[in-house]
Structures are given as C-alpha cells and as structure tokens.
Amino acid sequence: MRAMVLPAPGMPLQMQERVDPSPGDGEIRVTVGACGVCRTDLHVVDAELPGIKYPVVPGHEIVGRVDLIGGNVTILGIGDRVGIPWLGYTCGVCRFCREGMENLCDRPLFTGYTRDGGFATHAIADARYAFPLGEDCDDVSIAPLLCAGLIGWRSLVMAGNAERLGIYGFGAAGHIVAQIARWQGRSVYAFTRSDDIAAQDFARRLGATWAGASGQTPETPLDAAIIYAPAGELVPAALRAVRKGGRVVCAGIHMSDIPSFPYDLLWQERQLVSVANLTRRDGLDFLKIAPQAGIRTQTTAFPLAEANDVLTKLRTGQILGAAVLKPWVG
C-alpha cells in the first residue's frame, strides 16, 4: 500500500510504501476510493491537537470498498462500499457511552488522528464504525459528507429551530449545512473572510439570503449562528449578531483563543455551546437526510501525492467547497 504519512510535528507529509495491513478481530480493510481533506487534518498536521503519536496517516472522510474482513465481522461483506468517519472507536463502558453520549467517550479512537486514516490506498477500520453507503453517487462527492456533513448536521441540530441561521466560515461544512437549512425552510446568512468574494457568491448561489464579511452584522438579528472557521475572534462577532435568547454553536475541534468580550454580549440569555465529535446515530440520521435534501457537494479532486499542496490551499482559503484526494490517481 501507499500512504501520505506525517512523520513528525511540523514536517510535510511523505509518500511511503508500506506492507498491506491486515484487519484484526472486529475490523475491516478498505480499498480507499476517495478521502476528503478536512480542516481537522490541518490541526493534526500542525500539531494543534494533543496526544498525536507519530508517524500517523491523516484523513477521516473515507469512502472505499471492503476488501478484507477480520474475525467476528458479520455486518459487512467483501465489496461493500462504506464510509469511515472521524469517530473510529469508543469503549462502550464509560459513563458517556452508557448514557448515549459516545462522542464524549473517555477512551475513543479517531480516524486519521489516533489511528491511521485515509490519505492512503488502504485503511483499517472497526466494522462497527463504518457506515454502509450503497451505490448512489460517486466516491468523491460522498467523501465530504463523512465529516463536514456529519459535524455540520450535529451542529445544525444543536442550533435548534433557528429561522435565521448564520454560518461563519463557508467551506466544506458550511456549504453542506446551507443546503440542508434551505431545504428545511430556513434563511441562511453566510459570513466569510472579507476578501473571499468567491465564497460569498457561492453562498448566494446556494440560496443564502445574505452573504458578507465576518466583521459585518446583518440588519436583522440572527436566531442562531454556527462557527466553522477556527478563529476565536468570531465568537464575540457571532454573539453580537444573534438576538436575545439566541445561540452560538462552535463546531470546530480546535479554535484559536477567544478574546475577552463584555458580558453584555452574552447577557439576555444568549447561549454559547460547542460541538464535540459525532455519534453513530448522527451518521445514520444524516446519511438518511442527505438524499432527501438533495445535497450536492462542491468538490475538487486531487491525486494523493498532492496532499501537501492541498493542505496549503485549504490553509490559505483557496478551496471552494471541499477538496478530495483520490489515492489511485497520479
């Protein structure tokens, strides 16, 4: 197998030849057809997440086909197309798992972070955490749904029944959530970098009522806002934009420090909450909703060998929608 490997903090990914992995008990091996490139991959590469053990293969928006099955796997078969998400394993016995909050498990494993991921031709996964995908749509268009879509869905649910919804950071997750929100009859307000006219135009094409720079405030107060950009300074901006009793949802796994702000921004029962990871129920619910909502992902596909260049493009805001790596191209 071939894989783009992160050998140490601050180093570029390296293409390496590895021995084909074998699945253990309860595991499957997947031939990767496509793997989305997520902002969380940047946090891994930039060593912004704790507990990274090197070397590691990033990538957690994996679409592929089962080509080898370990012992005690009965729910999947050879040739099945599956999606492998960020959440790769939970202990099942801690308080959070027992109370239906496996996204907060005390001893989890995460694909492309604490276990090798999908920037590779093959990947190993716990069969219980692989979603059957069926045969509709192509691998590249589905890949962003495995994280941008799933976290987007969880954050949208957490935003409540907001009629006027703000989306800060209109990238992979933002453009998926905007489509669901419009399908649900909500009004979408898209906030981007001040110079990102392309993203603002993209948001309007997807039906956004308003699109502008993150420092702007629409005339009509928002009912809720979701922040996908990892910029702590957006928290006070979003609180200013929501009405009394409104909610701001921080949807990223990592964010720069939030600057101090006057209590007046939080007062009048405004709420500030965070989203952590996802549950398998989130995945099942969202993958059922996605075709009903007619979601169409905006993707640009790249060969696996160009992973470093793609990460740079993502870091500098040069990706419209989502980037996807194709391991068997180039």
C-alpha atoms as a PDB file:
ATOM      1  CA  MET A   1       0.000   0.000   0.000  1.00  0.00           C
ATOM      2  CA  ARG A   2       0.940   3.659  -0.379  1.00  0.00           C
ATOM      3  CA  ALA A   3       0.244   6.338   2.199  1.00  0.00           C
ATOM      4  CA  MET A   4       0.953  10.008   2.817  1.00  0.00           C
ATOM      5  CA  VAL A   5       2.492   9.838   6.283  1.00  0.00           C
ATOM      6  CA  LEU A   6       3.066  12.605   8.835  1.00  0.00           C
ATOM      7  CA  PRO A   7       6.435  11.580  10.329  1.00  0.00           C
ATOM      8  CA  ALA A   8       6.816  14.284  12.995  1.00  0.00           C
ATOM      9  CA  PRO A   9       5.381  17.647  14.084  1.00  0.00           C
ATOM     10  CA  GLY A  10       5.875  20.437  11.581  1.00  0.00           C
ATOM     11  CA  MET A  11       7.079  18.190   8.777  1.00  0.00           C
ATOM     12  CA  PRO A  12       5.392  17.757   5.399  1.00  0.00           C
ATOM     13  CA  LEU A  13       3.615  14.520   4.628  1.00  0.00           C
ATOM     14  CA  GLN A  14       5.798  11.877   2.986  1.00  0.00           C
ATOM     15  CA  MET A  15       4.679   9.314   0.445  1.00  0.00           C
ATOM     16  CA  GLN A  16       5.655   5.893   1.783  1.00  0.00           C
ATOM     17  CA  GLU A  17       5.301   2.295   0.652  1.00  0.00           C
ATOM     18  CA  ARG A  18       4.013   0.095   3.471  1.00  0.00           C
ATOM     19  CA  VAL A  19       3.181  -3.540   3.960  1.00  0.00           C
ATOM     20  CA  ASP A  20      -0.507  -4.139   3.266  1.00  0.00           C
ATOM     21  CA  PRO A  21      -2.289  -4.019   6.661  1.00  0.00           C
ATOM     22  CA  SER A  22      -4.367  -6.905   7.953  1.00  0.00           C
ATOM     23  CA  PRO A  23      -7.604  -6.350   9.870  1.00  0.00           C
ATOM     24  CA  GLY A  24      -7.819  -7.643  13.413  1.00  0.00           C
ATOM     25  CA  ASP A  25     -10.811  -9.053  15.229  1.00  0.00           C
ATOM     26  CA  GLY A  26     -13.872  -6.927  14.513  1.00  0.00           C
ATOM     27  CA  GLU A  27     -12.068  -4.921  11.833  1.00  0.00           C
ATOM     28  CA  ILE A  28     -12.249  -4.476   8.083  1.00  0.00           C
ATOM     29  CA  ARG A  29      -9.719  -3.377   5.483  1.00  0.00           C
ATOM     30  CA  VAL A  30     -10.932  -0.923   2.893  1.00  0.00           C
ATOM     31  CA  THR A  31      -9.546  -0.053  -0.518  1.00  0.00           C
ATOM     32  CA  VAL A  32      -9.857   3.733  -0.426  1.00  0.00           C
ATOM     33  CA  GLY A  33     -11.676   5.252  -3.365  1.00  0.00           C
ATOM     34  CA  ALA A  34     -11.630   8.827  -2.079  1.00  0.00           C
ATOM     35  CA  CYS A  35     -10.758  10.710   1.096  1.00  0.00           C
ATOM     36  CA  GLY A  36     -11.897  14.230   1.808  1.00  0.00           C
ATOM     37  CA  VAL A  37      -9.473  16.811   3.174  1.00  0.00           C
ATOM     38  CA  CYS A  38     -10.849  18.436   6.306  1.00  0.00           C
ATOM     39  CA  ARG A  39      -9.702  21.407   8.362  1.00  0.00           C
ATOM     40  CA  THR A  40      -9.157  18.950  11.203  1.00  0.00           C
ATOM     41  CA  ASP A  41      -6.430  17.362   9.066  1.00  0.00           C
ATOM     42  CA  LEU A  42      -4.682  20.735   9.232  1.00  0.00           C
ATOM     43  CA  HIS A  43      -4.933  20.676  13.025  1.00  0.00           C
ATOM     44  CA  VAL A  44      -3.294  17.239  13.008  1.00  0.00           C
ATOM     45  CA  VAL A  45      -0.545  18.274  10.597  1.00  0.00           C
ATOM     46  CA  ASP A  46       0.084  21.496  12.521  1.00  0.00           C
ATOM     47  CA  ALA A  47       0.232  19.588  15.853  1.00  0.00           C
ATOM     48  CA  GLU A  48      -2.619  21.648  17.299  1.00  0.00           C
ATOM     49  CA  LEU A  49      -4.311  18.588  18.779  1.00  0.00           C
ATOM     50  CA  PRO A  50      -2.971  16.768  21.859  1.00  0.00           C
ATOM     51  CA  GLY A  51      -1.663  13.228  22.056  1.00  0.00           C
ATOM     52  CA  ILE A  52      -0.577  12.685  18.447  1.00  0.00           C
ATOM     53  CA  LYS A  53       1.674   9.641  18.105  1.00  0.00           C
ATOM     54  CA  TYR A  54       3.966   9.752  15.104  1.00  0.00           C
ATOM     55  CA  PRO A  55       4.082   8.582  12.421  1.00  0.00           C
ATOM     56  CA  VAL A  56       0.407   8.896  11.560  1.00  0.00           C
ATOM     57  CA  VAL A  57      -1.641   8.853   8.354  1.00  0.00           C
ATOM     58  CA  PRO A  58      -4.237  11.677   8.349  1.00  0.00           C
ATOM     59  CA  GLY A  59      -7.645  11.584   6.701  1.00  0.00           C
ATOM     60  CA  HIS A  60     -11.086  10.800   8.123  1.00  0.00           C
ATOM     61  CA  GLU A  61     -13.582  11.328   5.306  1.00  0.00           C
ATOM     62  CA  ILE A  62     -13.025   7.931   3.731  1.00  0.00           C
ATOM     63  CA  VAL A  63     -15.103   6.247   1.050  1.00  0.00           C
ATOM     64  CA  GLY A  64     -13.977   2.809  -0.039  1.00  0.00           C
ATOM     65  CA  ARG A  65     -14.821  -0.841  -0.515  1.00  0.00           C
ATOM     66  CA  VAL A  66     -14.268  -3.663   1.934  1.00  0.00           C
ATOM     67  CA  ASP A  67     -11.553  -5.964   0.556  1.00  0.00           C
ATOM     68  CA  LEU A  68     -10.641  -7.987   3.658  1.00  0.00           C
ATOM     69  CA  ILE A  69     -12.565  -8.878   6.803  1.00  0.00           C
ATOM     70  CA  GLY A  70     -11.253  -9.789  10.248  1.00  0.00           C
ATOM     71  CA  GLY A  71     -12.813 -12.218  12.700  1.00  0.00           C
ATOM     72  CA  ASN A  72     -16.300 -11.739  14.155  1.00  0.00           C
ATOM     73  CA  VAL A  73     -17.463  -9.295  11.474  1.00  0.00           C
ATOM     74  CA  THR A  74     -20.982 -10.138  10.336  1.00  0.00           C
ATOM     75  CA  ILE A  75     -22.462  -6.769   9.378  1.00  0.00           C
ATOM     76  CA  LEU A  76     -20.370  -6.127   6.248  1.00  0.00           C
ATOM     77  CA  GLY A  77     -19.204  -8.167   3.296  1.00  0.00           C
ATOM     78  CA  ILE A  78     -16.427  -8.106   0.706  1.00  0.00           C
ATOM     79  CA  GLY A  79     -17.132  -5.435  -1.908  1.00  0.00           C
ATOM     80  CA  ASP A  80     -19.472  -3.366   0.250  1.00  0.00           C
ATOM     81  CA  ARG A  81     -18.982   0.368  -0.140  1.00  0.00           C
ATOM     82  CA  VAL A  82     -18.582   2.055   3.226  1.00  0.00           C
ATOM     83  CA  GLY A  83     -17.826   5.417   4.748  1.00  0.00           C
ATOM     84  CA  ILE A  84     -15.298   5.708   7.553  1.00  0.00           C
ATOM     85  CA  PRO A  85     -15.733   8.852   9.703  1.00  0.00           C
ATOM     86  CA  TRP A  86     -13.756  10.698  12.383  1.00  0.00           C
ATOM     87  CA  LEU A  87     -15.090   8.589  15.269  1.00  0.00           C
ATOM     88  CA  GLY A  88     -13.289   5.269  14.885  1.00  0.00           C
ATOM     89  CA  TYR A  89     -13.888   3.501  18.207  1.00  0.00           C
ATOM     90  CA  THR A  90     -15.462   4.015  21.616  1.00  0.00           C
ATOM     91  CA  CYS A  91     -15.041   1.939  24.762  1.00  0.00           C
ATOM     92  CA  GLY A  92     -18.736   1.293  25.315  1.00  0.00           C
ATOM     93  CA  VAL A  93     -18.364   1.132  29.094  1.00  0.00           C
ATOM     94  CA  CYS A  94     -17.569   4.633  30.354  1.00  0.00           C
ATOM     95  CA  ARG A  95     -20.324   6.862  31.704  1.00  0.00           C
ATOM     96  CA  PHE A  96     -20.697   8.784  28.452  1.00  0.00           C
ATOM     97  CA  CYS A  97     -21.004   5.682  26.296  1.00  0.00           C
ATOM     98  CA  ARG A  98     -23.538   4.169  28.673  1.00  0.00           C
ATOM     99  CA  GLU A  99     -25.612   7.370  28.657  1.00  0.00           C
ATOM    100  CA  GLY A 100     -25.770   7.660  24.873  1.00  0.00           C
ATOM    101  CA  MET A 101     -23.008  10.249  24.515  1.00  0.00           C
ATOM    102  CA  GLU A 102     -20.352   8.181  22.769  1.00  0.00           C
ATOM    103  CA  ASN A 103     -18.998  11.366  21.160  1.00  0.00           C
ATOM    104  CA  LEU A 104     -17.632  12.182  24.643  1.00  0.00           C
ATOM    105  CA  CYS A 105     -16.166   8.712  25.308  1.00  0.00           C
ATOM    106  CA  ASP A 106     -13.265   8.668  27.760  1.00  0.00           C
ATOM    107  CA  ARG A 107     -11.195   6.259  25.634  1.00  0.00           C
ATOM    108  CA  PRO A 108     -12.019   6.903  21.988  1.00  0.00           C
ATOM    109  CA  LEU A 109     -10.002   6.430  18.818  1.00  0.00           C
ATOM    110  CA  PHE A 110     -10.232   8.903  15.964  1.00  0.00           C
ATOM    111  CA  THR A 111      -9.556   8.127  12.323  1.00  0.00           C
ATOM    112  CA  GLY A 112      -6.553   9.986  10.938  1.00  0.00           C
ATOM    113  CA  TYR A 113      -5.571  11.237  14.389  1.00  0.00           C
ATOM    114  CA  THR A 114      -5.147   8.465  16.950  1.00  0.00           C
ATOM    115  CA  ARG A 115      -5.372   5.695  14.354  1.00  0.00           C
ATOM    116  CA  ASP A 116      -4.189   5.780  10.741  1.00  0.00           C
ATOM    117  CA  GLY A 117      -6.610   7.307   8.286  1.00  0.00           C
ATOM    118  CA  GLY A 118      -7.445   7.586   4.624  1.00  0.00           C
ATOM    119  CA  PHE A 119      -4.628   9.531   2.977  1.00  0.00           C
ATOM    120  CA  ALA A 120      -3.662   6.124   1.631  1.00  0.00           C
ATOM    121  CA  THR A 121      -4.648   3.380  -0.781  1.00  0.00           C
ATOM    122  CA  HIS A 122      -5.908   1.183   2.081  1.00  0.00           C
ATOM    123  CA  ALA A 123      -7.218   1.738   5.593  1.00  0.00           C
ATOM    124  CA  ILE A 124      -8.211  -0.389   8.581  1.00  0.00           C
ATOM    125  CA  ALA A 125     -11.427   0.391  10.452  1.00  0.00           C
ATOM    126  CA  ASP A 126     -13.576  -1.005  13.238  1.00  0.00           C
ATOM    127  CA  ALA A 127     -16.514  -2.537  11.359  1.00  0.00           C
ATOM    128  CA  ARG A 128     -18.988  -1.107  13.883  1.00  0.00           C
ATOM    129  CA  TYR A 129     -17.946   2.423  12.948  1.00  0.00           C
ATOM    130  CA  ALA A 130     -18.185   2.090   9.166  1.00  0.00           C
ATOM    131  CA  PHE A 131     -21.370   3.310   7.511  1.00  0.00           C
ATOM    132  CA  PRO A 132     -22.855   1.287   4.611  1.00  0.00           C
ATOM    133  CA  LEU A 133     -23.220   3.707   1.696  1.00  0.00           C
ATOM    134  CA  GLY A 134     -24.950   1.795  -1.080  1.00  0.00           C
ATOM    135  CA  GLU A 135     -24.191   2.573  -4.695  1.00  0.00           C
ATOM    136  CA  ASP A 136     -25.737   6.003  -5.295  1.00  0.00           C
ATOM    137  CA  CYS A 137     -23.396   8.897  -6.168  1.00  0.00           C
ATOM    138  CA  ASP A 138     -19.648   8.734  -6.753  1.00  0.00           C
ATOM    139  CA  ASP A 139     -16.940   8.392  -4.101  1.00  0.00           C
ATOM    140  CA  VAL A 140     -15.607  11.933  -4.497  1.00  0.00           C
ATOM    141  CA  SER A 141     -18.970  13.637  -3.985  1.00  0.00           C
ATOM    142  CA  ILE A 142     -19.776  11.490  -0.934  1.00  0.00           C
ATOM    143  CA  ALA A 143     -16.419  11.889   0.873  1.00  0.00           C
ATOM    144  CA  PRO A 144     -17.087  15.357   2.393  1.00  0.00           C
ATOM    145  CA  LEU A 145     -20.294  14.060   3.943  1.00  0.00           C
ATOM    146  CA  LEU A 146     -18.239  11.839   6.289  1.00  0.00           C
ATOM    147  CA  CYS A 147     -17.087  14.773   8.435  1.00  0.00           C
ATOM    148  CA  ALA A 148     -18.081  18.146   7.033  1.00  0.00           C
ATOM    149  CA  GLY A 149     -21.559  16.755   6.601  1.00  0.00           C
ATOM    150  CA  LEU A 150     -21.755  14.840   9.876  1.00  0.00           C
ATOM    151  CA  ILE A 151     -20.375  17.608  12.082  1.00  0.00           C
ATOM    152  CA  GLY A 152     -22.422  20.084  10.088  1.00  0.00           C
ATOM    153  CA  TRP A 153     -25.561  18.086  10.813  1.00  0.00           C
ATOM    154  CA  ARG A 154     -24.788  17.750  14.530  1.00  0.00           C
ATOM    155  CA  SER A 155     -24.113  21.488  14.812  1.00  0.00           C
ATOM    156  CA  LEU A 156     -27.304  22.320  12.901  1.00  0.00           C
ATOM    157  CA  VAL A 157     -29.359  20.168  15.262  1.00  0.00           C
ATOM    158  CA  MET A 158     -27.669  21.874  18.213  1.00  0.00           C
ATOM    159  CA  ALA A 159     -28.553  25.281  16.745  1.00  0.00           C
ATOM    160  CA  GLY A 160     -32.215  24.437  17.337  1.00  0.00           C
ATOM    161  CA  ASN A 161     -35.143  25.650  15.253  1.00  0.00           C
ATOM    162  CA  ALA A 162     -33.425  28.840  14.156  1.00  0.00           C
ATOM    163  CA  GLU A 163     -35.323  30.501  11.329  1.00  0.00           C
ATOM    164  CA  ARG A 164     -32.467  32.925  10.598  1.00  0.00           C
ATOM    165  CA  LEU A 165     -29.209  30.975  10.696  1.00  0.00           C
ATOM    166  CA  GLY A 166     -25.729  32.458  10.459  1.00  0.00           C
ATOM    167  CA  ILE A 167     -22.846  30.354   9.112  1.00  0.00           C
ATOM    168  CA  TYR A 168     -19.344  31.621   9.866  1.00  0.00           C
ATOM    169  CA  GLY A 169     -16.824  30.017   7.502  1.00  0.00           C
ATOM    170  CA  PHE A 170     -18.402  28.930   4.233  1.00  0.00           C
ATOM    171  CA  GLY A 171     -16.250  25.960   3.329  1.00  0.00           C
ATOM    172  CA  ALA A 172     -16.870  22.228   3.236  1.00  0.00           C
ATOM    173  CA  ALA A 173     -19.236  22.074   6.224  1.00  0.00           C
ATOM    174  CA  GLY A 174     -20.834  25.458   5.585  1.00  0.00           C
ATOM    175  CA  HIS A 175     -21.897  24.728   2.039  1.00  0.00           C
ATOM    176  CA  ILE A 176     -23.460  21.392   3.063  1.00  0.00           C
ATOM    177  CA  VAL A 177     -25.311  22.820   6.065  1.00  0.00           C
ATOM    178  CA  ALA A 178     -26.591  25.739   3.990  1.00  0.00           C
ATOM    179  CA  GLN A 179     -28.295  23.288   1.638  1.00  0.00           C
ATOM    180  CA  ILE A 180     -29.957  21.400   4.496  1.00  0.00           C
ATOM    181  CA  ALA A 181     -31.047  24.649   6.148  1.00  0.00           C
ATOM    182  CA  ARG A 182     -32.586  25.932   2.917  1.00  0.00           C
ATOM    183  CA  TRP A 183     -34.339  22.579   2.403  1.00  0.00           C
ATOM    184  CA  GLN A 184     -35.768  22.968   5.915  1.00  0.00           C
ATOM    185  CA  GLY A 185     -37.065  26.424   5.032  1.00  0.00           C
ATOM    186  CA  ARG A 186     -34.559  28.478   6.999  1.00  0.00           C
ATOM    187  CA  SER A 187     -32.888  31.709   5.910  1.00  0.00           C
ATOM    188  CA  VAL A 188     -29.102  31.429   5.662  1.00  0.00           C
ATOM    189  CA  TYR A 189     -26.661  34.246   6.363  1.00  0.00           C
ATOM    190  CA  ALA A 190     -23.096  33.415   5.218  1.00  0.00           C
ATOM    191  CA  PHE A 191     -20.025  35.041   6.783  1.00  0.00           C
ATOM    192  CA  THR A 192     -16.618  34.721   5.100  1.00  0.00           C
ATOM    193  CA  ARG A 193     -13.209  36.353   5.076  1.00  0.00           C
ATOM    194  CA  SER A 194     -13.570  39.945   3.946  1.00  0.00           C
ATOM    195  CA  ASP A 195     -11.813  39.327   0.628  1.00  0.00           C
ATOM    196  CA  ASP A 196     -13.450  35.994  -0.189  1.00  0.00           C
ATOM    197  CA  ILE A 197     -15.891  37.233  -2.770  1.00  0.00           C
ATOM    198  CA  ALA A 198     -15.960  33.809  -4.452  1.00  0.00           C
ATOM    199  CA  ALA A 199     -17.267  32.140  -1.285  1.00  0.00           C
ATOM    200  CA  GLN A 200     -19.878  34.875  -0.821  1.00  0.00           C
ATOM    201  CA  ASP A 201     -21.078  34.430  -4.402  1.00  0.00           C
ATOM    202  CA  PHE A 202     -21.115  30.655  -3.858  1.00  0.00           C
ATOM    203  CA  ALA A 203     -23.298  31.095  -0.773  1.00  0.00           C
ATOM    204  CA  ARG A 204     -25.778  33.218  -2.712  1.00  0.00           C
ATOM    205  CA  ARG A 205     -25.938  30.597  -5.466  1.00  0.00           C
ATOM    206  CA  LEU A 206     -26.894  28.063  -2.789  1.00  0.00           C
ATOM    207  CA  GLY A 207     -29.750  30.292  -1.687  1.00  0.00           C
ATOM    208  CA  ALA A 208     -28.237  32.395   1.083  1.00  0.00           C
ATOM    209  CA  THR A 209     -30.371  35.415   1.961  1.00  0.00           C
ATOM    210  CA  TRP A 210     -27.265  37.430   2.790  1.00  0.00           C
ATOM    211  CA  ALA A 211     -23.507  36.968   2.383  1.00  0.00           C
ATOM    212  CA  GLY A 212     -20.727  39.206   3.604  1.00  0.00           C
ATOM    213  CA  ALA A 213     -17.586  39.598   5.689  1.00  0.00           C
ATOM    214  CA  SER A 214     -17.431  38.120   9.172  1.00  0.00           C
ATOM    215  CA  GLY A 215     -17.000  41.582  10.671  1.00  0.00           C
ATOM    216  CA  GLN A 216     -20.338  42.732   9.300  1.00  0.00           C
ATOM    217  CA  THR A 217     -23.676  42.425  11.065  1.00  0.00           C
ATOM    218  CA  PRO A 218     -26.911  41.933   9.108  1.00  0.00           C
ATOM    219  CA  GLU A 219     -29.714  44.380   9.797  1.00  0.00           C
ATOM    220  CA  THR A 220     -31.940  41.570  11.060  1.00  0.00           C
ATOM    221  CA  PRO A 221     -30.658  39.760  14.197  1.00  0.00           C
ATOM    222  CA  LEU A 222     -29.982  36.036  13.772  1.00  0.00           C
ATOM    223  CA  ASP A 223     -31.760  33.340  15.744  1.00  0.00           C
ATOM    224  CA  ALA A 224     -28.587  31.222  15.869  1.00  0.00           C
ATOM    225  CA  ALA A 225     -25.110  31.074  14.382  1.00  0.00           C
ATOM    226  CA  ILE A 226     -22.680  28.229  13.730  1.00  0.00           C
ATOM    227  CA  ILE A 227     -18.939  28.887  13.619  1.00  0.00           C
ATOM    228  CA  TYR A 228     -16.921  26.531  11.405  1.00  0.00           C
ATOM    229  CA  ALA A 229     -13.834  28.715  10.979  1.00  0.00           C
ATOM    230  CA  PRO A 230     -11.231  28.025  13.722  1.00  0.00           C
ATOM    231  CA  ALA A 231     -10.980  31.702  14.653  1.00  0.00           C
ATOM    232  CA  GLY A 232     -11.778  32.612  18.252  1.00  0.00           C
ATOM    233  CA  GLU A 233     -12.413  36.247  17.357  1.00  0.00           C
ATOM    234  CA  LEU A 234     -15.584  35.149  15.574  1.00  0.00           C
ATOM    235  CA  VAL A 235     -17.255  34.233  18.880  1.00  0.00           C
ATOM    236  CA  PRO A 236     -17.870  37.835  20.011  1.00  0.00           C
ATOM    237  CA  ALA A 237     -18.852  38.750  16.444  1.00  0.00           C
ATOM    238  CA  ALA A 238     -21.436  35.965  16.327  1.00  0.00           C
ATOM    239  CA  LEU A 239     -22.808  36.880  19.766  1.00  0.00           C
ATOM    240  CA  ARG A 240     -23.305  40.432  18.516  1.00  0.00           C
ATOM    241  CA  ALA A 241     -25.225  39.102  15.525  1.00  0.00           C
ATOM    242  CA  VAL A 242     -27.736  36.900  17.397  1.00  0.00           C
ATOM    243  CA  ARG A 243     -30.922  38.093  19.055  1.00  0.00           C
ATOM    244  CA  LYS A 244     -31.847  37.864  22.713  1.00  0.00           C
ATOM    245  CA  GLY A 245     -32.107  34.170  23.614  1.00  0.00           C
ATOM    246  CA  GLY A 246     -30.074  33.259  20.517  1.00  0.00           C
ATOM    247  CA  ARG A 247     -27.451  30.544  20.374  1.00  0.00           C
ATOM    248  CA  VAL A 248     -23.886  30.430  19.022  1.00  0.00           C
ATOM    249  CA  VAL A 249     -22.513  26.969  18.236  1.00  0.00           C
ATOM    250  CA  CYS A 250     -18.741  26.443  17.958  1.00  0.00           C
ATOM    251  CA  ALA A 251     -18.397  23.465  15.620  1.00  0.00           C
ATOM    252  CA  GLY A 252     -14.646  23.009  15.259  1.00  0.00           C
ATOM    253  CA  ILE A 253     -12.434  20.593  17.171  1.00  0.00           C
ATOM    254  CA  HIS A 254      -9.839  23.361  17.590  1.00  0.00           C
ATOM    255  CA  MET A 255     -10.137  27.134  17.735  1.00  0.00           C
ATOM    256  CA  SER A 256      -7.721  29.953  18.412  1.00  0.00           C
ATOM    257  CA  ASP A 257      -8.136  31.720  21.751  1.00  0.00           C
ATOM    258  CA  ILE A 258     -11.389  33.584  22.218  1.00  0.00           C
ATOM    259  CA  PRO A 259     -10.709  37.228  23.061  1.00  0.00           C
ATOM    260  CA  SER A 260     -12.318  38.773  26.098  1.00  0.00           C
ATOM    261  CA  PHE A 261     -15.679  40.412  25.487  1.00  0.00           C
ATOM    262  CA  PRO A 262     -18.180  42.347  27.611  1.00  0.00           C
ATOM    263  CA  TYR A 263     -20.784  40.333  29.476  1.00  0.00           C
ATOM    264  CA  ASP A 264     -23.406  42.391  27.663  1.00  0.00           C
ATOM    265  CA  LEU A 265     -22.836  40.212  24.553  1.00  0.00           C
ATOM    266  CA  LEU A 266     -23.800  37.059  26.448  1.00  0.00           C
ATOM    267  CA  TRP A 267     -26.491  38.609  28.606  1.00  0.00           C
ATOM    268  CA  GLN A 268     -30.223  38.324  27.826  1.00  0.00           C
ATOM    269  CA  GLU A 269     -29.953  34.538  27.768  1.00  0.00           C
ATOM    270  CA  ARG A 270     -27.758  34.177  24.733  1.00  0.00           C
ATOM    271  CA  GLN A 271     -26.053  30.773  24.727  1.00  0.00           C
ATOM    272  CA  LEU A 272     -22.545  29.733  23.680  1.00  0.00           C
ATOM    273  CA  VAL A 273     -22.056  25.975  23.181  1.00  0.00           C
ATOM    274  CA  SER A 274     -19.580  23.637  21.492  1.00  0.00           C
ATOM    275  CA  VAL A 275     -19.887  20.506  19.380  1.00  0.00           C
ATOM    276  CA  ALA A 276     -17.563  17.586  20.100  1.00  0.00           C
ATOM    277  CA  ASN A 277     -17.029  14.823  17.570  1.00  0.00           C
ATOM    278  CA  LEU A 278     -20.128  12.861  16.498  1.00  0.00           C
ATOM    279  CA  THR A 279     -22.111   9.744  17.252  1.00  0.00           C
ATOM    280  CA  ARG A 280     -23.018   6.848  15.011  1.00  0.00           C
ATOM    281  CA  ARG A 281     -26.641   7.961  15.322  1.00  0.00           C
ATOM    282  CA  ASP A 282     -25.625  11.332  13.843  1.00  0.00           C
ATOM    283  CA  GLY A 283     -24.209   9.453  10.870  1.00  0.00           C
ATOM    284  CA  LEU A 284     -27.254   7.281  10.319  1.00  0.00           C
ATOM    285  CA  ASP A 285     -29.632  10.242  10.631  1.00  0.00           C
ATOM    286  CA  PHE A 286     -27.619  12.493   8.339  1.00  0.00           C
ATOM    287  CA  LEU A 287     -26.978   9.907   5.623  1.00  0.00           C
ATOM    288  CA  LYS A 288     -30.729   9.349   5.504  1.00  0.00           C
ATOM    289  CA  ILE A 289     -31.459  13.081   5.284  1.00  0.00           C
ATOM    290  CA  ALA A 290     -28.774  13.953   2.699  1.00  0.00           C
ATOM    291  CA  PRO A 291     -30.504  12.453  -0.371  1.00  0.00           C
ATOM    292  CA  GLN A 292     -33.883  13.781   0.755  1.00  0.00           C
ATOM    293  CA  ALA A 293     -32.419  17.291   0.967  1.00  0.00           C
ATOM    294  CA  GLY A 294     -30.802  16.894  -2.450  1.00  0.00           C
ATOM    295  CA  ILE A 295     -27.355  17.810  -1.160  1.00  0.00           C
ATOM    296  CA  ARG A 296     -24.770  18.376  -3.886  1.00  0.00           C
ATOM    297  CA  THR A 297     -21.214  18.785  -2.675  1.00  0.00           C
ATOM    298  CA  GLN A 298     -18.862  21.194  -4.417  1.00  0.00           C
ATOM    299  CA  THR A 299     -15.607  19.217  -4.696  1.00  0.00           C
ATOM    300  CA  THR A 300     -12.208  19.433  -6.336  1.00  0.00           C
ATOM    301  CA  ALA A 301     -10.326  16.140  -6.659  1.00  0.00           C
ATOM    302  CA  PHE A 302      -6.545  15.825  -6.410  1.00  0.00           C
ATOM    303  CA  PRO A 303      -4.101  12.909  -6.619  1.00  0.00           C
ATOM    304  CA  LEU A 304      -2.948  11.527  -3.266  1.00  0.00           C
ATOM    305  CA  ALA A 305       0.627  12.661  -3.952  1.00  0.00           C
ATOM    306  CA  GLU A 306      -0.541  16.307  -3.911  1.00  0.00           C
ATOM    307  CA  ALA A 307      -1.799  16.151  -0.320  1.00  0.00           C
ATOM    308  CA  ASN A 308       0.705  18.731   0.943  1.00  0.00           C
ATOM    309  CA  ASP A 309      -0.282  21.226  -1.742  1.00  0.00           C
ATOM    310  CA  VAL A 310      -3.959  20.637  -0.997  1.00  0.00           C
ATOM    311  CA  LEU A 311      -3.426  21.297   2.716  1.00  0.00           C
ATOM    312  CA  THR A 312      -1.693  24.566   1.834  1.00  0.00           C
ATOM    313  CA  LYS A 313      -4.599  25.571  -0.390  1.00  0.00           C
ATOM    314  CA  LEU A 314      -7.038  24.778   2.396  1.00  0.00           C
ATOM    315  CA  ARG A 315      -4.999  26.729   4.939  1.00  0.00           C
ATOM    316  CA  THR A 316      -4.926  29.820   2.707  1.00  0.00           C
ATOM    317  CA  GLY A 317      -8.580  29.704   1.683  1.00  0.00           C
ATOM    318  CA  GLN A 318      -8.028  28.603  -1.913  1.00  0.00           C
ATOM    319  CA  ILE A 319     -10.541  25.722  -1.837  1.00  0.00           C
ATOM    320  CA  LEU A 320     -14.139  26.450  -2.814  1.00  0.00           C
ATOM    321  CA  GLY A 321     -16.310  23.820  -1.177  1.00  0.00           C
ATOM    322  CA  ALA A 322     -14.299  20.693  -0.355  1.00  0.00           C
ATOM    323  CA  ALA A 323     -11.046  19.081  -1.518  1.00  0.00           C
ATOM    324  CA  VAL A 324     -10.850  15.318  -2.011  1.00  0.00           C
ATOM    325  CA  LEU A 325      -7.851  13.045  -2.544  1.00  0.00           C
ATOM    326  CA  LYS A 326      -8.027  10.120  -4.964  1.00  0.00           C
ATOM    327  CA  PRO A 327      -5.410   7.511  -3.986  1.00  0.00           C
ATOM    328  CA  TRP A 328      -5.446   5.672  -7.311  1.00  0.00           C
ATOM    329  CA  VAL A 329      -4.825   8.774  -9.463  1.00  0.00           C
ATOM    330  CA  GLY A 330      -1.326  10.063 -10.227  1.00  0.00           C
END
